[in-house]
Amino acid sequence: MTSTGLLQYFHSVVGADDTDDHKPDPAPVYEALDRLLIEASPRVVFVGDSPADVWAAKNAGVTSVAALWGTLDAELLLDASPHHTVKTPGEVLAVFASEASPS
């Protein structure tokens, strides 16, 4: 991520070495939330390109977003029943806006 220049846009990055349990277990999601001092809730959005990402989000009690532009198997990803699907990174912003709106 450092070579792409994207790291500056993240307050925290959780990798496989940061937790003993891995996706679809919610431990990596909880670790990120702990680092950011945020509680798990449906207003938290977790974007991923694998079924394990969708299940980790659901298992943590946060909103799952399936990133269809990065997946190797879109059908398998959709079978995990994400809360939202997006075809481009730009569409993620619309999900953030919808989740941030008061219900």
Protein backbone atom coordinates (compact mmCIF):
# COMPACT_ATOMS: atom_id res chain seq x y z
CA MET A 1 0.00 0.00 0.00
CA THR A 2 2.92 2.34 0.58
CA SER A 3 4.04 2.05 -3.04
CA THR A 4 0.62 3.20 -4.29
CA GLY A 5 0.47 6.28 -2.08
CA LEU A 6 -2.84 5.12 -0.56
CA LEU A 7 -1.60 4.57 2.98
CA GLN A 8 -2.03 8.26 3.78
CA TYR A 9 -5.80 7.84 3.43
CA PHE A 10 -6.10 5.17 6.15
CA HIS A 11 -6.02 5.74 9.89
CA SER A 12 -5.36 2.06 10.49
CA VAL A 13 -4.59 -1.06 8.48
CA VAL A 14 -5.16 -4.55 9.91
CA GLY A 15 -3.30 -7.42 8.29
CA ALA A 16 -3.16 -11.17 8.84
CA ASP A 17 -0.39 -10.82 11.44
CA ASP A 18 -2.49 -8.51 13.61
CA THR A 19 -5.02 -11.08 14.87
CA ASP A 20 -4.92 -14.74 15.83
CA ASP A 21 -8.25 -15.41 14.12
CA HIS A 22 -8.89 -14.47 10.52
CA LYS A 23 -11.84 -13.68 8.27
CA PRO A 24 -14.61 -14.83 8.23
CA ASP A 25 -14.09 -14.56 11.98
CA PRO A 26 -14.86 -10.97 13.03
CA ALA A 27 -11.53 -10.55 14.89
CA PRO A 28 -9.86 -8.42 12.17
CA VAL A 29 -12.91 -6.15 11.99
CA TYR A 30 -12.97 -5.80 15.77
CA GLU A 31 -9.23 -5.01 15.77
CA ALA A 32 -9.76 -2.21 13.26
CA LEU A 33 -12.69 -0.86 15.25
CA ASP A 34 -10.67 -0.96 18.48
CA ARG A 35 -7.80 0.94 16.85
CA LEU A 36 -10.22 3.56 15.56
CA LEU A 37 -12.12 3.75 18.87
CA ILE A 38 -15.38 2.89 17.11
CA GLU A 39 -18.09 0.50 18.28
CA ALA A 40 -19.50 -2.08 15.89
CA SER A 41 -22.82 -1.00 14.43
CA PRO A 42 -24.71 -1.15 11.13
CA ARG A 43 -23.42 2.40 10.43
CA VAL A 44 -19.89 0.97 10.09
CA VAL A 45 -19.15 -0.06 6.49
CA PHE A 46 -16.72 -2.88 5.63
CA VAL A 47 -15.80 -3.18 1.94
CA GLY A 48 -14.32 -6.40 0.63
CA ASP A 49 -13.92 -8.55 -2.45
CA SER A 50 -14.30 -12.03 -0.98
CA PRO A 51 -17.04 -14.02 0.73
CA ALA A 52 -14.83 -14.11 3.85
CA ASP A 53 -14.93 -10.29 3.91
CA VAL A 54 -18.72 -10.27 3.71
CA TRP A 55 -19.02 -12.85 6.50
CA ALA A 56 -16.45 -11.07 8.70
CA ALA A 57 -18.51 -7.88 8.42
CA LYS A 58 -21.76 -9.67 9.17
CA ASN A 59 -20.21 -11.60 12.06
CA ALA A 60 -18.98 -8.30 13.52
CA GLY A 61 -22.39 -6.64 13.17
CA VAL A 62 -21.33 -4.08 10.58
CA THR A 63 -22.57 -3.35 7.07
CA SER A 64 -20.97 -5.47 4.35
CA VAL A 65 -20.22 -4.10 0.90
CA ALA A 66 -19.14 -6.46 -1.88
CA ALA A 67 -16.57 -4.88 -4.20
CA LEU A 68 -17.34 -6.57 -7.49
CA TRP A 69 -14.46 -4.93 -9.36
CA GLY A 70 -11.83 -6.87 -7.41
CA THR A 71 -13.30 -10.32 -7.04
CA LEU A 72 -12.28 -13.44 -8.88
CA ASP A 73 -15.73 -14.97 -8.56
CA ALA A 74 -18.60 -12.47 -8.41
CA GLU A 75 -21.24 -15.20 -8.13
CA LEU A 76 -19.58 -16.70 -5.07
CA LEU A 77 -19.28 -13.24 -3.53
CA LEU A 78 -22.95 -12.50 -4.16
CA ASP A 79 -23.91 -15.87 -2.64
CA ALA A 80 -22.57 -14.53 0.68
CA SER A 81 -25.50 -12.04 0.60
CA PRO A 82 -23.73 -8.74 1.22
CA HIS A 83 -25.81 -5.79 2.42
CA HIS A 84 -24.67 -3.77 -0.63
CA THR A 85 -22.81 -4.41 -3.88
CA VAL A 86 -20.71 -1.94 -5.80
CA LYS A 87 -19.18 -2.25 -9.25
CA THR A 88 -16.71 0.65 -8.97
CA PRO A 89 -14.82 2.32 -6.14
CA GLY A 90 -16.84 5.48 -6.77
CA GLU A 91 -20.06 3.67 -5.88
CA VAL A 92 -18.75 3.08 -2.35
CA LEU A 93 -19.33 6.77 -1.59
CA ALA A 94 -23.05 6.34 -2.23
CA VAL A 95 -23.12 3.47 0.29
CA PHE A 96 -21.39 5.66 2.88
CA ALA A 97 -23.95 8.38 2.29
CA SER A 98 -26.88 5.97 2.64
CA GLU A 99 -25.50 4.39 5.82
CA ALA A 100 -24.76 7.78 7.38
CA SER A 101 -28.31 9.01 6.84
CA PRO A 102 -30.45 8.89 9.99
CA SER A 103 -33.09 6.18 9.87
